[in-house]
Each structure stands twice: as C-alpha cells, then as structure tokens.
Amino acid sequence: MDETGFWEIVQDANDAAGGDMVRKCNVLKQKISALPAADAIEFAQQFDAMMGKAYSHTLWGAAYVINGGCSDDTFDDFCSSLISRGRQAFERALSNPDSLADEPDDDEDWFYEGYQYAVTDGVVAAAGDRPQRRMPDQPEGTEWQDEDELDVLLPKLSAKFGWLTGRTA
C-alpha cells in the first residue's frame, strides 16, 4: 500500500464518521481489518511513517500550547489525531504547525487516544499481529527551551488557546 492508498482509507473513515471520533475509529478499524494481511501491515507501516513525519519539536510545541502541556504519550495521541484529520490538515500542519489554529476547536479530538488503537486492532484482526513500530529516537528540528518561545514560534495558536506571554501561572 502506498501513501495515497493510506490516505484514501483515512479519508473514507473521516467521510463515514460525520465528525464523530469514536465512529471514525470504528470505521477505520473495520476498513483495516477487511484488508488482506499484507495490505493491513503496509497500512500500519504507512501510519508509523506519518507518525514519524509528525515527530518534530515545533509540532510538540503546538500540542503543548493546545493542551497547556504535553507529555510524550500525549504527543503520540496528538500525532495520531492529527493523522485522523486527513492528508490536507496533516500536511499543512507539517509545513506550518501554527496553521492548526485554523482547525476546528474540538478539545476532545486533538488528543484522542483511540485512533492509534484502531489502527493496531484493525491490523491484528487482518494479519494476526502488528509489526514492530519504528519511530525516530528524537524529534526533528530545533527544541524550544522555554514556554515563552511558543508565543513567537506559534503566534496564532498561542492567541487562540490563551498562551500569550503574561498569562498567570
């Protein structure tokens, strides 16, 4: 399965879900589990490749601003939820994480834990097992050192989520 096929399945699940994240996960799991085993494994590999592309300090900063903090597990949920939004939103966020300020403000769906589980469950149903995940050791890009840097790095997100300098601790 190539990247285009991967994104088609993600988009089909989005279209069928009508904005409901639980339904989106259920549809995604069904679609993956209906694939031949080799395709399901390749879907998982594409998913992991997209997770790797999203593994950057700047996107982690975006997640930090949106959530008011962000652990490594929460960032994984954020990246998988970003994938769930579809190819256009994902690629726009990769090239300009501050563009996430233009996405719908649906707090629950920014960090939805179940999307990556839907991938795993679908792959296991189709192939019997999920291949070992291969993720980068470190996020890409320059690490921000202080929370106040996020105001400059992500001004639209900072304004939208009340992260501007001068906030009360």
C-alpha atoms as a PDB file:
ATOM      1  CA  MET A   1       0.000   0.000   0.000  1.00  0.00           C
ATOM      2  CA  ASP A   2       1.393   3.346  -0.977  1.00  0.00           C
ATOM      3  CA  GLU A   3       0.886   6.674   0.762  1.00  0.00           C
ATOM      4  CA  THR A   4      -2.064   7.571  -1.472  1.00  0.00           C
ATOM      5  CA  GLY A   5      -3.860   4.339  -0.559  1.00  0.00           C
ATOM      6  CA  PHE A   6      -3.206   5.008   3.108  1.00  0.00           C
ATOM      7  CA  TRP A   7      -4.721   8.491   2.928  1.00  0.00           C
ATOM      8  CA  GLU A   8      -7.717   7.209   0.956  1.00  0.00           C
ATOM      9  CA  ILE A   9      -8.596   4.836   3.804  1.00  0.00           C
ATOM     10  CA  VAL A  10      -8.132   7.611   6.377  1.00  0.00           C
ATOM     11  CA  GLN A  11     -10.383   9.907   4.332  1.00  0.00           C
ATOM     12  CA  ASP A  12     -13.015   7.198   3.804  1.00  0.00           C
ATOM     13  CA  ALA A  13     -13.197   6.730   7.579  1.00  0.00           C
ATOM     14  CA  ASN A  14     -13.499  10.511   8.032  1.00  0.00           C
ATOM     15  CA  ASP A  15     -16.282  10.758   5.477  1.00  0.00           C
ATOM     16  CA  ALA A  16     -18.229   7.879   7.034  1.00  0.00           C
ATOM     17  CA  ALA A  17     -17.856   9.198  10.590  1.00  0.00           C
ATOM     18  CA  GLY A  18     -19.506  12.573  10.136  1.00  0.00           C
ATOM     19  CA  GLY A  19     -17.156  14.249  12.612  1.00  0.00           C
ATOM     20  CA  ASP A  20     -17.605  11.667  15.393  1.00  0.00           C
ATOM     21  CA  MET A  21     -14.189  10.440  16.556  1.00  0.00           C
ATOM     22  CA  VAL A  22     -15.461   7.196  18.107  1.00  0.00           C
ATOM     23  CA  ARG A  23     -17.240   6.321  14.881  1.00  0.00           C
ATOM     24  CA  LYS A  24     -14.154   7.327  12.883  1.00  0.00           C
ATOM     25  CA  CYS A  25     -12.070   4.858  14.893  1.00  0.00           C
ATOM     26  CA  ASN A  26     -14.634   2.078  14.463  1.00  0.00           C
ATOM     27  CA  VAL A  27     -14.845   2.638  10.705  1.00  0.00           C
ATOM     28  CA  LEU A  28     -11.055   2.772  10.403  1.00  0.00           C
ATOM     29  CA  LYS A  29     -10.689  -0.484  12.331  1.00  0.00           C
ATOM     30  CA  GLN A  30     -13.301  -2.154  10.093  1.00  0.00           C
ATOM     31  CA  LYS A  31     -11.625  -0.917   6.918  1.00  0.00           C
ATOM     32  CA  ILE A  32      -8.184  -2.119   8.000  1.00  0.00           C
ATOM     33  CA  SER A  33      -9.466  -5.478   9.246  1.00  0.00           C
ATOM     34  CA  ALA A  34     -11.110  -6.076   5.836  1.00  0.00           C
ATOM     35  CA  LEU A  35      -7.771  -5.659   4.038  1.00  0.00           C
ATOM     36  CA  PRO A  36      -5.583  -8.586   3.007  1.00  0.00           C
ATOM     37  CA  ALA A  37      -2.939  -9.209   5.682  1.00  0.00           C
ATOM     38  CA  ALA A  38      -0.094  -7.737   3.615  1.00  0.00           C
ATOM     39  CA  ASP A  39      -2.066  -4.544   2.929  1.00  0.00           C
ATOM     40  CA  ALA A  40      -3.009  -4.189   6.588  1.00  0.00           C
ATOM     41  CA  ILE A  41       0.651  -4.465   7.576  1.00  0.00           C
ATOM     42  CA  GLU A  42       1.589  -1.899   4.931  1.00  0.00           C
ATOM     43  CA  PHE A  43      -1.142   0.394   6.273  1.00  0.00           C
ATOM     44  CA  ALA A  44       0.464   0.130   9.727  1.00  0.00           C
ATOM     45  CA  GLN A  45       3.853   0.921   8.221  1.00  0.00           C
ATOM     46  CA  GLN A  46       2.428   3.983   6.459  1.00  0.00           C
ATOM     47  CA  PHE A  47       0.785   5.060   9.723  1.00  0.00           C
ATOM     48  CA  ASP A  48       4.113   4.764  11.525  1.00  0.00           C
ATOM     49  CA  ALA A  49       5.829   6.722   8.742  1.00  0.00           C
ATOM     50  CA  MET A  50       3.283   9.544   9.166  1.00  0.00           C
ATOM     51  CA  MET A  51       3.767   9.455  12.940  1.00  0.00           C
ATOM     52  CA  GLY A  52       7.499   9.798  12.286  1.00  0.00           C
ATOM     53  CA  LYS A  53       6.948  12.775   9.982  1.00  0.00           C
ATOM     54  CA  ALA A  54       4.916  14.489  12.693  1.00  0.00           C
ATOM     55  CA  TYR A  55       7.568  13.852  15.344  1.00  0.00           C
ATOM     56  CA  SER A  56       9.005  17.371  15.485  1.00  0.00           C
ATOM     57  CA  HIS A  57       9.761  19.864  18.209  1.00  0.00           C
ATOM     58  CA  THR A  58       7.568  22.502  16.587  1.00  0.00           C
ATOM     59  CA  LEU A  59       4.517  20.225  16.420  1.00  0.00           C
ATOM     60  CA  TRP A  60       5.219  19.182  20.002  1.00  0.00           C
ATOM     61  CA  GLY A  61       5.137  22.873  20.854  1.00  0.00           C
ATOM     62  CA  ALA A  62       1.775  23.163  19.097  1.00  0.00           C
ATOM     63  CA  ALA A  63       0.424  20.262  21.143  1.00  0.00           C
ATOM     64  CA  TYR A  64       1.847  21.878  24.276  1.00  0.00           C
ATOM     65  CA  VAL A  65       0.027  25.145  23.538  1.00  0.00           C
ATOM     66  CA  ILE A  66      -3.274  23.460  22.652  1.00  0.00           C
ATOM     67  CA  ASN A  67      -3.240  21.240  25.750  1.00  0.00           C
ATOM     68  CA  GLY A  68      -1.459  23.522  28.227  1.00  0.00           C
ATOM     69  CA  GLY A  69       1.365  20.975  28.457  1.00  0.00           C
ATOM     70  CA  CYS A  70       2.223  17.753  26.643  1.00  0.00           C
ATOM     71  CA  SER A  71       3.902  14.528  27.769  1.00  0.00           C
ATOM     72  CA  ASP A  72       5.416  12.078  25.297  1.00  0.00           C
ATOM     73  CA  ASP A  73       2.347   9.786  25.440  1.00  0.00           C
ATOM     74  CA  THR A  74       0.040  12.758  24.950  1.00  0.00           C
ATOM     75  CA  PHE A  75       2.135  13.835  21.968  1.00  0.00           C
ATOM     76  CA  ASP A  76       1.683  10.382  20.404  1.00  0.00           C
ATOM     77  CA  ASP A  77      -2.083  10.805  20.806  1.00  0.00           C
ATOM     78  CA  PHE A  78      -1.820  14.272  19.260  1.00  0.00           C
ATOM     79  CA  CYS A  79       0.129  12.997  16.245  1.00  0.00           C
ATOM     80  CA  SER A  80      -2.299  10.144  15.608  1.00  0.00           C
ATOM     81  CA  SER A  81      -5.245  12.526  15.991  1.00  0.00           C
ATOM     82  CA  LEU A  82      -3.565  14.859  13.523  1.00  0.00           C
ATOM     83  CA  ILE A  83      -3.369  11.975  11.038  1.00  0.00           C
ATOM     84  CA  SER A  84      -7.069  11.325  11.651  1.00  0.00           C
ATOM     85  CA  ARG A  85      -7.880  14.829  10.372  1.00  0.00           C
ATOM     86  CA  GLY A  86      -6.789  13.778   6.880  1.00  0.00           C
ATOM     87  CA  ARG A  87      -3.987  14.421   4.461  1.00  0.00           C
ATOM     88  CA  GLN A  88      -4.553  18.139   3.841  1.00  0.00           C
ATOM     89  CA  ALA A  89      -4.685  19.106   7.516  1.00  0.00           C
ATOM     90  CA  PHE A  90      -1.734  16.820   8.273  1.00  0.00           C
ATOM     91  CA  GLU A  91       0.498  18.185   5.522  1.00  0.00           C
ATOM     92  CA  ARG A  92      -0.498  21.771   6.299  1.00  0.00           C
ATOM     93  CA  ALA A  93       0.459  21.215   9.950  1.00  0.00           C
ATOM     94  CA  LEU A  94       3.797  19.667   8.983  1.00  0.00           C
ATOM     95  CA  SER A  95       4.716  22.673   6.880  1.00  0.00           C
ATOM     96  CA  ASN A  96       3.253  25.242   9.297  1.00  0.00           C
ATOM     97  CA  PRO A  97       2.217  23.992  12.745  1.00  0.00           C
ATOM     98  CA  ASP A  98       0.683  27.391  13.513  1.00  0.00           C
ATOM     99  CA  SER A  99      -1.939  26.598  10.829  1.00  0.00           C
ATOM    100  CA  LEU A 100      -3.588  24.322  13.394  1.00  0.00           C
ATOM    101  CA  ALA A 101      -5.183  27.495  14.748  1.00  0.00           C
ATOM    102  CA  ASP A 102      -7.443  27.318  11.679  1.00  0.00           C
ATOM    103  CA  GLU A 103      -8.681  23.813  12.540  1.00  0.00           C
ATOM    104  CA  PRO A 104     -11.969  23.311  14.410  1.00  0.00           C
ATOM    105  CA  ASP A 105     -11.599  23.760  18.161  1.00  0.00           C
ATOM    106  CA  ASP A 106     -12.643  20.299  19.300  1.00  0.00           C
ATOM    107  CA  ASP A 107     -10.699  19.732  22.511  1.00  0.00           C
ATOM    108  CA  GLU A 108     -11.518  16.043  22.817  1.00  0.00           C
ATOM    109  CA  ASP A 109     -10.340  15.207  19.303  1.00  0.00           C
ATOM    110  CA  TRP A 110      -6.927  16.897  19.485  1.00  0.00           C
ATOM    111  CA  PHE A 111      -5.564  14.164  21.762  1.00  0.00           C
ATOM    112  CA  TYR A 112      -7.845  11.204  21.089  1.00  0.00           C
ATOM    113  CA  GLU A 113      -6.108   8.100  22.375  1.00  0.00           C
ATOM    114  CA  GLY A 114      -8.236   5.611  20.457  1.00  0.00           C
ATOM    115  CA  TYR A 115      -7.130   6.367  16.898  1.00  0.00           C
ATOM    116  CA  GLN A 116      -3.802   4.593  17.122  1.00  0.00           C
ATOM    117  CA  TYR A 117      -5.523   1.682  18.897  1.00  0.00           C
ATOM    118  CA  ALA A 118      -7.979   1.431  15.992  1.00  0.00           C
ATOM    119  CA  VAL A 119      -5.008   1.017  13.655  1.00  0.00           C
ATOM    120  CA  THR A 120      -3.456  -1.673  15.847  1.00  0.00           C
ATOM    121  CA  ASP A 121      -6.744  -3.528  16.371  1.00  0.00           C
ATOM    122  CA  GLY A 122      -7.524  -3.476  12.647  1.00  0.00           C
ATOM    123  CA  VAL A 123      -4.076  -4.744  11.700  1.00  0.00           C
ATOM    124  CA  VAL A 124      -4.197  -7.515  14.307  1.00  0.00           C
ATOM    125  CA  ALA A 125      -7.647  -8.582  13.043  1.00  0.00           C
ATOM    126  CA  ALA A 126      -6.392  -8.730   9.442  1.00  0.00           C
ATOM    127  CA  ALA A 127      -2.856 -10.021   9.912  1.00  0.00           C
ATOM    128  CA  GLY A 128      -2.784 -11.676  13.325  1.00  0.00           C
ATOM    129  CA  ASP A 129      -0.096  -9.337  14.636  1.00  0.00           C
ATOM    130  CA  ARG A 130       1.162  -5.801  14.246  1.00  0.00           C
ATOM    131  CA  PRO A 131       4.711  -5.305  13.013  1.00  0.00           C
ATOM    132  CA  GLN A 132       7.248  -3.773  15.352  1.00  0.00           C
ATOM    133  CA  ARG A 133       6.934   0.009  15.315  1.00  0.00           C
ATOM    134  CA  ARG A 134       9.889   2.022  14.090  1.00  0.00           C
ATOM    135  CA  MET A 135       9.861   5.554  15.375  1.00  0.00           C
ATOM    136  CA  PRO A 136      12.583   8.220  15.388  1.00  0.00           C
ATOM    137  CA  ASP A 137      14.652   8.453  18.550  1.00  0.00           C
ATOM    138  CA  GLN A 138      14.408  12.244  18.736  1.00  0.00           C
ATOM    139  CA  PRO A 139      12.000  14.836  17.354  1.00  0.00           C
ATOM    140  CA  GLU A 140      13.110  16.738  14.252  1.00  0.00           C
ATOM    141  CA  GLY A 141      14.093  20.377  14.347  1.00  0.00           C
ATOM    142  CA  THR A 142      15.275  22.756  16.999  1.00  0.00           C
ATOM    143  CA  GLU A 143      13.995  22.170  20.503  1.00  0.00           C
ATOM    144  CA  TRP A 144      12.324  25.157  22.130  1.00  0.00           C
ATOM    145  CA  GLN A 145      13.840  25.801  25.534  1.00  0.00           C
ATOM    146  CA  ASP A 146      11.239  27.927  27.271  1.00  0.00           C
ATOM    147  CA  GLU A 147       7.442  28.088  27.144  1.00  0.00           C
ATOM    148  CA  ASP A 148       7.581  31.790  26.300  1.00  0.00           C
ATOM    149  CA  GLU A 149       9.273  30.917  22.989  1.00  0.00           C
ATOM    150  CA  LEU A 150       6.000  29.318  21.892  1.00  0.00           C
ATOM    151  CA  ASP A 151       4.327  32.740  21.655  1.00  0.00           C
ATOM    152  CA  VAL A 152       6.801  33.685  18.925  1.00  0.00           C
ATOM    153  CA  LEU A 153       7.012  30.254  17.309  1.00  0.00           C
ATOM    154  CA  LEU A 154       3.222  29.727  17.210  1.00  0.00           C
ATOM    155  CA  PRO A 155       1.519  33.132  17.481  1.00  0.00           C
ATOM    156  CA  LYS A 156      -1.899  32.147  16.080  1.00  0.00           C
ATOM    157  CA  LEU A 157      -2.150  29.043  18.252  1.00  0.00           C
ATOM    158  CA  SER A 158      -0.925  30.989  21.280  1.00  0.00           C
ATOM    159  CA  ALA A 159      -3.617  33.614  20.753  1.00  0.00           C
ATOM    160  CA  LYS A 160      -6.352  31.039  20.153  1.00  0.00           C
ATOM    161  CA  PHE A 161      -5.534  28.928  23.189  1.00  0.00           C
ATOM    162  CA  GLY A 162      -4.623  31.747  25.579  1.00  0.00           C
ATOM    163  CA  TRP A 163      -0.928  31.010  25.669  1.00  0.00           C
ATOM    164  CA  LEU A 164       0.381  34.537  25.131  1.00  0.00           C
ATOM    165  CA  THR A 165       3.108  35.876  27.399  1.00  0.00           C
ATOM    166  CA  GLY A 166       1.727  37.438  30.544  1.00  0.00           C
ATOM    167  CA  ARG A 167      -0.595  34.557  31.373  1.00  0.00           C
ATOM    168  CA  THR A 168      -0.953  33.732  35.031  1.00  0.00           C
ATOM    169  CA  ALA A 169       0.809  30.642  36.300  1.00  0.00           C
END
